[in-house]
Amino acid sequence: MKHFFSILALFILISCSSDDSEDNQDQKTIIQSVLPSLSASSTNIGETITINGQNFNPNIACTIKFNGTNGQITQITSNTISVTVPVGATSGQIELTTNGVTLNVGYITVNGTNRLFAYKQWGTIVELNPVTGAETKTLVYGTGSNYLKDLGYFAPTNEIIAQGVGNTSKLFKVKLTDKTVKEITFAGYDQLIITSTKLYGYKSYEGIIELNPNTGSEIGNLINTGNTSGDYLYGLIYNDATNEIIGEKYGNDKNVNLVNKICKIKLFDNSVIESTYSGYDELIPASNGKLYAYRGLKRIVELNPATGAENKTLKNISDPHISNFTYFPQTNQLIGKKNIYNNGIVTSKFLKLNLTDNSLSENNILKDDYDYLIVTN
């Protein structure tokens, strides 16, 4: 369906050359374009929107980008430009470029879409195009904390939340709506775990405790996860499908054999369940209800979320230096990065595993060796 927006007239100059001009200078043609009103600026992937205006020239090539992703122009008339919202489009600015001139046409909300952000070590958070991995905008440049870790998206407040590590521990929060940053001194934890509605902290050899997402203060009672040498939890993630915090323990059994265990903290009753399993470098929860895992130099697999057993191998992986996997619902892909080292120079590739056909692509180069990839939902 087409969305027609109320308009505000906006003028841009488009240069046209004229061989017949006496002084051979460019003539200027004034084209009226339009600005969609924010009160009605929403659409869906695959739908067609129309930019209304005057004096558009169907014979002059133009591009329209949705927050950095190219749309497919289906028709240009003297008064309208029709464009299909592409896969990978996210909420943000629409840009019209023609004859070397770019105009911000307005902001549009793409319904049901996810956004992709990345954190550069020592202070910058940027938004990435989820199709190409290219940086589209800087969200935060520099933070008060020396280093951020455990970055994730907290939907109830539409914020990226992290833990700032420096002389003092801080709860770091940046609002996606206006880019405001707040840093609150708090106790500090071995890891923050962000669920769909709550925030938790992990204390090593003690357990999991709920935190107030506004102040960082502790709420309620500690969920005990063990206090012996083999009870340290690694790689904690939240699985929304089962409402569990999941992590990994490893230690030696009575025969001094290394044993990996999957540890699941059920948040509906605070019970803790452990069972032996294969062990992985990364656990990757997905909003499609499935649980994936990556084991370095071996494979990406789908796990049974109840037992941790392997359901199937999705892709065999022999390359080293692959990390930062996360699930991107809009395209049903696992995305991550692959580093290639050559004479001390690092090249980072944008890695995408299509879960529909298990095809793996690494065609796009990332601008930086990002420490975290963060997906909104």
Protein backbone atom coordinates (compact mmCIF):
# COMPACT_ATOMS: atom_id res chain seq x y z
CA MET A 1 0.00 0.00 0.00
CA LYS A 2 1.14 3.53 -0.65
CA HIS A 3 1.60 6.11 2.07
CA PHE A 4 1.00 9.69 1.06
CA PHE A 5 2.40 12.24 3.45
CA SER A 6 1.44 15.85 4.11
CA ILE A 7 3.99 18.17 2.61
CA LEU A 8 6.16 21.12 3.41
CA ALA A 9 7.75 22.89 0.49
CA LEU A 10 11.53 22.77 0.45
CA PHE A 11 13.81 24.14 -2.25
CA ILE A 12 17.03 22.72 -3.56
CA LEU A 13 19.15 23.85 -6.45
CA ILE A 14 19.98 21.42 -9.20
CA SER A 15 22.77 22.39 -11.59
CA CYS A 16 22.28 21.91 -15.32
CA SER A 17 24.98 22.68 -17.87
CA SER A 18 24.21 24.69 -21.02
CA ASP A 19 26.54 24.71 -24.02
CA ASP A 20 24.66 27.66 -25.51
CA SER A 21 25.22 29.96 -22.51
CA GLU A 22 27.32 33.01 -23.35
CA ASP A 23 29.46 32.75 -20.25
CA ASN A 24 29.24 28.90 -20.17
CA GLN A 25 28.09 29.00 -16.52
CA ASP A 26 25.68 26.45 -15.04
CA GLN A 27 22.06 27.40 -15.10
CA LYS A 28 20.12 26.70 -11.90
CA THR A 29 16.75 24.99 -11.92
CA ILE A 30 14.67 25.22 -8.75
CA ILE A 31 12.95 21.96 -7.89
CA GLN A 32 10.37 21.78 -5.17
CA SER A 33 10.55 18.61 -3.11
CA VAL A 34 8.56 17.54 -0.06
CA LEU A 35 9.06 16.77 3.57
CA PRO A 36 6.90 13.98 5.06
CA SER A 37 5.24 15.05 8.27
CA LEU A 38 6.42 13.25 11.39
CA SER A 39 2.85 12.58 12.49
CA ALA A 40 2.26 10.14 9.63
CA SER A 41 5.77 8.99 8.77
CA SER A 42 5.58 5.19 9.13
CA THR A 43 5.79 2.35 6.64
CA ASN A 44 6.78 -1.32 6.25
CA ILE A 45 9.46 -3.23 4.37
CA GLY A 46 8.33 -3.85 0.78
CA GLU A 47 5.74 -1.08 0.73
CA THR A 48 5.89 1.90 -1.63
CA ILE A 49 5.98 5.48 -0.40
CA THR A 50 5.59 8.59 -2.50
CA ILE A 51 7.49 11.85 -2.29
CA ASN A 52 5.28 14.63 -3.60
CA GLY A 53 6.63 17.81 -5.15
CA GLN A 54 6.98 19.75 -8.36
CA ASN A 55 9.33 19.92 -11.33
CA PHE A 56 10.90 16.47 -10.85
CA ASN A 57 12.70 15.40 -14.02
CA PRO A 58 12.20 11.70 -14.94
CA ASN A 59 15.26 11.92 -17.20
CA ILE A 60 17.67 12.82 -14.40
CA ALA A 61 18.94 9.91 -12.31
CA CYS A 62 18.39 10.10 -8.58
CA THR A 63 18.76 7.89 -5.51
CA ILE A 64 16.70 7.66 -2.34
CA LYS A 65 18.20 6.21 0.83
CA PHE A 66 16.41 5.01 3.94
CA ASN A 67 18.81 5.66 6.80
CA GLY A 68 21.68 4.76 4.47
CA THR A 69 20.05 1.88 2.54
CA ASN A 70 19.15 2.43 -1.12
CA GLY A 71 15.46 2.21 -1.97
CA GLN A 72 14.15 0.95 -5.32
CA ILE A 73 12.64 3.80 -7.30
CA THR A 74 9.63 2.52 -9.23
CA GLN A 75 8.36 5.71 -10.88
CA ILE A 76 9.28 9.34 -11.36
CA THR A 77 6.83 11.92 -12.69
CA SER A 78 7.03 15.68 -12.66
CA ASN A 79 5.20 15.72 -9.32
CA THR A 80 6.03 12.44 -7.57
CA ILE A 81 8.80 9.95 -6.88
CA SER A 82 7.63 6.47 -5.86
CA VAL A 83 10.10 4.25 -4.01
CA THR A 84 9.88 0.79 -2.45
CA VAL A 85 11.13 0.41 1.12
CA PRO A 86 14.07 -2.03 0.83
CA VAL A 87 15.04 -4.97 3.01
CA GLY A 88 17.53 -3.65 5.54
CA ALA A 89 15.86 -0.25 5.80
CA THR A 90 15.58 1.06 9.35
CA SER A 91 13.86 4.01 10.94
CA GLY A 92 15.71 7.24 10.18
CA GLN A 93 16.22 9.98 7.62
CA ILE A 94 15.20 9.68 3.98
CA GLU A 95 17.78 11.24 1.67
CA LEU A 96 17.12 12.26 -1.94
CA THR A 97 20.22 12.73 -4.12
CA THR A 98 20.07 14.04 -7.67
CA ASN A 99 22.67 15.74 -9.84
CA GLY A 100 25.16 15.79 -6.97
CA VAL A 101 22.82 17.47 -4.48
CA THR A 102 21.52 15.61 -1.40
CA LEU A 103 18.39 16.66 0.45
CA ASN A 104 17.13 15.32 3.79
CA VAL A 105 13.50 14.73 2.93
CA GLY A 106 12.42 13.80 6.47
CA TYR A 107 12.29 11.10 9.12
CA ILE A 108 10.33 7.88 8.63
CA THR A 109 9.59 5.01 10.99
CA VAL A 110 10.00 1.57 9.42
CA ASN A 111 7.70 -0.70 11.40
CA GLY A 112 8.96 -3.95 12.85
CA THR A 113 12.58 -3.30 11.97
CA ASN A 114 15.78 -3.77 13.89
CA ARG A 115 18.74 -1.42 14.08
CA LEU A 116 22.38 -2.41 14.27
CA PHE A 117 24.94 -0.55 16.37
CA ALA A 118 28.62 -1.13 17.06
CA TYR A 119 31.01 -0.07 19.77
CA LYS A 120 34.57 1.00 19.06
CA GLN A 121 37.01 0.50 21.88
CA TRP A 122 37.53 3.55 24.10
CA GLY A 123 34.39 5.43 23.41
CA THR A 124 32.44 5.62 20.16
CA ILE A 125 29.07 4.02 19.39
CA VAL A 126 27.99 4.08 15.74
CA GLU A 127 25.00 2.85 13.79
CA LEU A 128 25.67 0.40 10.96
CA ASN A 129 23.79 -0.45 7.80
CA PRO A 130 22.66 -4.04 8.54
CA VAL A 131 23.03 -5.04 4.89
CA THR A 132 26.50 -3.65 4.15
CA GLY A 133 27.99 -3.01 7.58
CA ALA A 134 28.81 0.58 6.59
CA GLU A 135 28.64 3.27 9.27
CA THR A 136 25.57 5.47 8.81
CA LYS A 137 25.82 7.76 11.83
CA THR A 138 27.68 8.34 15.09
CA LEU A 139 25.51 7.92 18.16
CA VAL A 140 28.07 8.74 20.85
CA TYR A 141 31.58 10.07 20.37
CA GLY A 142 33.67 9.50 23.46
CA THR A 143 32.38 8.48 26.87
CA GLY A 144 33.32 9.41 30.40
CA SER A 145 34.29 5.82 31.15
CA ASN A 146 37.63 4.51 29.94
CA TYR A 147 36.07 1.42 28.44
CA LEU A 148 32.59 -0.01 27.97
CA LYS A 149 31.65 -3.68 28.20
CA ASP A 150 28.50 -5.82 28.22
CA LEU A 151 26.70 -3.52 25.78
CA GLY A 152 23.12 -4.41 24.94
CA TYR A 153 19.75 -2.96 24.02
CA PHE A 154 17.15 -2.33 26.73
CA ALA A 155 13.74 -2.09 25.06
CA PRO A 156 11.63 -0.62 27.90
CA THR A 157 13.62 2.64 27.84
CA ASN A 158 14.90 2.41 24.23
CA GLU A 159 18.49 2.65 25.44
CA ILE A 160 21.82 1.01 24.88
CA ILE A 161 23.06 0.00 28.33
CA ALA A 162 26.63 -0.94 29.24
CA GLN A 163 29.06 -1.11 32.10
CA GLY A 164 31.75 1.56 32.20
CA VAL A 165 35.11 0.34 33.44
CA GLY A 166 37.56 2.87 34.86
CA ASN A 167 38.63 4.14 38.25
CA THR A 168 35.03 3.60 39.31
CA SER A 169 32.36 1.34 37.82
CA LYS A 170 29.49 3.11 36.09
CA LEU A 171 26.17 2.16 34.57
CA PHE A 172 26.28 3.72 31.11
CA LYS A 173 23.05 4.53 29.26
CA VAL A 174 22.44 6.26 25.94
CA LYS A 175 18.94 7.04 24.68
CA LEU A 176 18.43 6.27 21.00
CA THR A 177 15.78 8.96 20.58
CA ASP A 178 17.96 11.97 21.43
CA LYS A 179 21.48 10.51 21.98
CA THR A 180 21.62 11.75 25.56
CA VAL A 181 24.12 9.92 27.75
CA LYS A 182 23.89 9.19 31.45
CA GLU A 183 26.58 7.56 33.59
CA ILE A 184 25.72 6.46 37.12
CA THR A 185 28.25 5.21 39.66
CA PHE A 186 27.29 1.73 40.83
CA ALA A 187 28.78 -1.42 42.37
CA GLY A 188 30.09 -2.98 39.16
CA TYR A 189 29.70 -6.62 38.16
CA ASP A 190 31.54 -9.36 36.33
CA GLN A 191 28.84 -9.14 33.66
CA LEU A 192 25.60 -7.31 32.98
CA ILE A 193 22.74 -9.35 31.52
CA ILE A 194 20.00 -7.45 29.72
CA THR A 195 16.65 -9.19 29.28
CA SER A 196 13.56 -8.00 27.42
CA THR A 197 12.26 -6.22 30.52
CA LYS A 198 14.90 -6.36 33.28
CA LEU A 199 18.57 -5.81 34.05
CA TYR A 200 20.73 -8.24 36.02
CA GLY A 201 24.30 -8.33 37.29
CA TYR A 202 26.54 -11.36 37.84
CA LYS A 203 28.85 -11.58 40.86
CA SER A 204 31.55 -14.18 40.38
CA TYR A 205 31.26 -17.22 42.65
CA GLU A 206 28.07 -15.78 44.12
CA GLY A 207 25.20 -15.44 41.70
CA ILE A 208 22.77 -13.30 39.72
CA ILE A 209 20.99 -10.26 41.13
CA GLU A 210 18.37 -7.97 39.58
CA LEU A 211 19.33 -4.31 39.18
CA ASN A 212 17.26 -1.15 38.94
CA PRO A 213 17.84 -0.06 35.32
CA ASN A 214 17.53 3.62 36.27
CA THR A 215 19.92 3.69 39.22
CA GLY A 216 21.95 0.46 39.05
CA SER A 217 21.01 -0.42 42.63
CA GLU A 218 20.30 -4.02 43.58
CA ILE A 219 16.74 -5.35 43.83
CA GLY A 220 15.60 -8.46 45.64
CA ASN A 221 17.62 -11.53 46.57
CA LEU A 222 20.69 -13.09 45.01
CA ILE A 223 20.15 -16.20 42.85
CA ASN A 224 22.99 -18.47 44.00
CA THR A 225 24.96 -20.10 41.17
CA GLY A 226 27.75 -21.72 43.20
CA ASN A 227 30.88 -20.67 45.07
CA THR A 228 33.52 -23.30 44.27
CA SER A 229 36.44 -23.07 41.85
CA GLY A 230 34.42 -24.67 39.05
CA ASP A 231 31.41 -22.42 39.47
CA TYR A 232 32.54 -19.34 37.54
CA LEU A 233 30.04 -18.49 34.79
CA TYR A 234 31.19 -17.42 31.32
CA GLY A 235 29.39 -15.85 28.36
CA LEU A 236 26.05 -15.17 30.04
CA ILE A 237 23.17 -14.49 27.64
CA TYR A 238 19.41 -14.16 27.94
CA ASN A 239 17.10 -16.48 26.01
CA ASP A 240 13.75 -14.72 25.61
CA ALA A 241 12.03 -17.86 24.31
CA THR A 242 12.57 -19.71 27.62
CA ASN A 243 12.96 -16.69 29.96
CA GLU A 244 16.33 -17.99 31.12
CA ILE A 245 19.79 -16.61 31.70
CA ILE A 246 22.23 -19.13 30.22
CA GLY A 247 25.96 -19.41 30.80
CA GLU A 248 28.79 -21.90 30.77
CA LYS A 249 30.87 -23.44 33.53
CA TYR A 250 33.95 -25.56 33.12
CA GLY A 251 36.21 -27.34 35.51
CA ASN A 252 37.77 -30.72 36.33
CA ASP A 253 35.85 -33.77 37.42
CA LYS A 254 37.14 -36.26 40.01
CA ASN A 255 39.36 -37.82 37.32
CA VAL A 256 40.84 -34.39 36.48
CA ASN A 257 39.08 -34.36 33.11
CA LEU A 258 37.88 -30.99 31.84
CA VAL A 259 34.09 -30.87 31.88
CA ASN A 260 31.87 -28.21 30.29
CA LYS A 261 28.46 -27.52 31.74
CA ILE A 262 25.57 -25.41 30.57
CA CYS A 263 23.99 -23.47 33.44
CA LYS A 264 20.45 -22.17 33.13
CA ILE A 265 18.85 -19.74 35.59
CA LYS A 266 15.07 -19.87 35.18
CA LEU A 267 13.81 -16.38 35.97
CA PHE A 268 10.20 -17.37 36.55
CA ASP A 269 11.14 -19.34 39.68
CA ASN A 270 14.88 -18.56 40.17
CA SER A 271 15.83 -22.23 39.92
CA VAL A 272 19.26 -23.22 38.58
CA ILE A 273 19.77 -26.25 36.34
CA GLU A 274 23.14 -27.59 35.13
CA SER A 275 23.97 -30.31 32.64
CA THR A 276 27.08 -31.48 30.80
CA TYR A 277 27.42 -30.28 27.23
CA SER A 278 29.99 -29.71 24.49
CA GLY A 279 31.07 -26.14 25.30
CA TYR A 280 31.29 -23.24 22.86
CA ASP A 281 33.01 -19.93 22.32
CA GLU A 282 29.74 -18.05 21.96
CA LEU A 283 26.08 -18.76 22.70
CA ILE A 284 23.71 -16.85 20.42
CA PRO A 285 20.05 -16.54 21.44
CA ALA A 286 17.53 -15.67 18.75
CA SER A 287 14.10 -14.07 18.92
CA ASN A 288 12.82 -16.88 16.66
CA GLY A 289 12.93 -19.13 19.74
CA LYS A 290 16.10 -20.94 18.76
CA LEU A 291 19.53 -21.09 20.36
CA TYR A 292 22.73 -21.09 18.30
CA ALA A 293 26.38 -21.51 19.20
CA TYR A 294 29.80 -21.02 17.66
CA ARG A 295 32.89 -23.10 18.32
CA GLY A 296 36.11 -21.57 17.02
CA LEU A 297 37.76 -23.28 14.03
CA LYS A 298 34.95 -25.83 13.88
CA ARG A 299 31.31 -24.93 13.28
CA ILE A 300 28.18 -22.90 13.89
CA VAL A 301 25.40 -25.07 15.29
CA GLU A 302 21.81 -24.97 16.43
CA LEU A 303 21.29 -26.20 19.99
CA ASN A 304 18.33 -27.67 21.78
CA PRO A 305 17.44 -24.76 24.11
CA ALA A 306 16.17 -27.15 26.77
CA THR A 307 19.19 -29.49 26.97
CA GLY A 308 22.07 -27.74 25.18
CA ALA A 309 22.50 -30.72 22.87
CA GLU A 310 23.36 -30.05 19.23
CA ASN A 311 20.38 -30.27 16.90
CA LYS A 312 22.35 -29.76 13.72
CA THR A 313 25.43 -28.16 12.19
CA LEU A 314 24.65 -25.04 10.17
CA LYS A 315 28.11 -24.27 8.83
CA ASN A 316 31.58 -25.71 9.21
CA ILE A 317 34.09 -22.97 10.00
CA SER A 318 37.85 -23.30 9.62
CA ASP A 319 38.80 -19.61 9.76
CA PRO A 320 40.29 -18.18 12.96
CA HIS A 321 39.47 -14.79 14.47
CA ILE A 322 35.69 -14.95 14.08
CA SER A 323 33.63 -13.36 16.85
CA ASN A 324 30.80 -11.05 17.98
CA PHE A 325 27.92 -13.12 16.64
CA THR A 326 24.41 -11.81 17.21
CA TYR A 327 21.02 -12.56 15.69
CA PHE A 328 19.40 -10.05 13.33
CA PRO A 329 15.66 -10.85 13.14
CA GLN A 330 14.76 -8.69 10.18
CA THR A 331 16.90 -10.71 7.78
CA ASN A 332 16.97 -13.96 9.81
CA GLN A 333 20.77 -13.92 9.90
CA LEU A 334 23.55 -14.45 12.37
CA ILE A 335 25.92 -11.53 11.92
CA GLY A 336 29.44 -11.11 13.25
CA LYS A 337 32.93 -10.17 12.21
CA LYS A 338 35.98 -11.92 10.82
CA ASN A 339 39.45 -10.43 11.29
CA ILE A 340 42.23 -10.99 8.78
CA TYR A 341 45.78 -10.15 9.86
CA ASN A 342 48.42 -9.20 7.31
CA ASN A 343 51.79 -7.78 8.41
CA GLY A 344 50.27 -6.31 11.55
CA ILE A 345 47.33 -4.73 9.72
CA VAL A 346 43.83 -5.88 10.68
CA THR A 347 41.02 -6.05 8.12
CA SER A 348 37.57 -6.75 9.57
CA LYS A 349 34.90 -8.34 7.39
CA PHE A 350 31.15 -8.24 7.96
CA LEU A 351 30.10 -11.86 8.37
CA LYS A 352 26.51 -12.95 7.69
CA LEU A 353 25.06 -16.45 7.99
CA ASN A 354 21.66 -16.73 6.31
CA LEU A 355 19.61 -19.11 8.47
CA THR A 356 17.18 -19.82 5.64
CA ASP A 357 19.73 -21.59 3.44
CA ASN A 358 22.87 -21.58 5.69
CA SER A 359 24.83 -19.55 3.13
CA LEU A 360 27.73 -17.53 4.52
CA SER A 361 28.81 -14.17 3.09
CA GLU A 362 31.75 -11.94 3.92
CA ASN A 363 31.71 -9.51 1.02
CA ASN A 364 31.74 -6.25 2.94
CA ILE A 365 34.62 -4.63 4.83
CA LEU A 366 33.89 -3.08 8.21
CA LYS A 367 35.39 0.32 8.93
CA ASP A 368 36.71 -0.76 12.32
CA ASP A 369 37.51 -3.79 14.43
CA TYR A 370 34.41 -3.34 16.59
CA ASP A 371 34.29 -4.77 20.12
CA TYR A 372 30.52 -5.23 20.25
CA LEU A 373 27.61 -5.48 17.81
CA ILE A 374 24.23 -4.48 19.29
CA VAL A 375 20.83 -5.22 17.73
CA THR A 376 17.63 -3.44 18.78
CA ASN A 377 14.32 -5.28 18.92
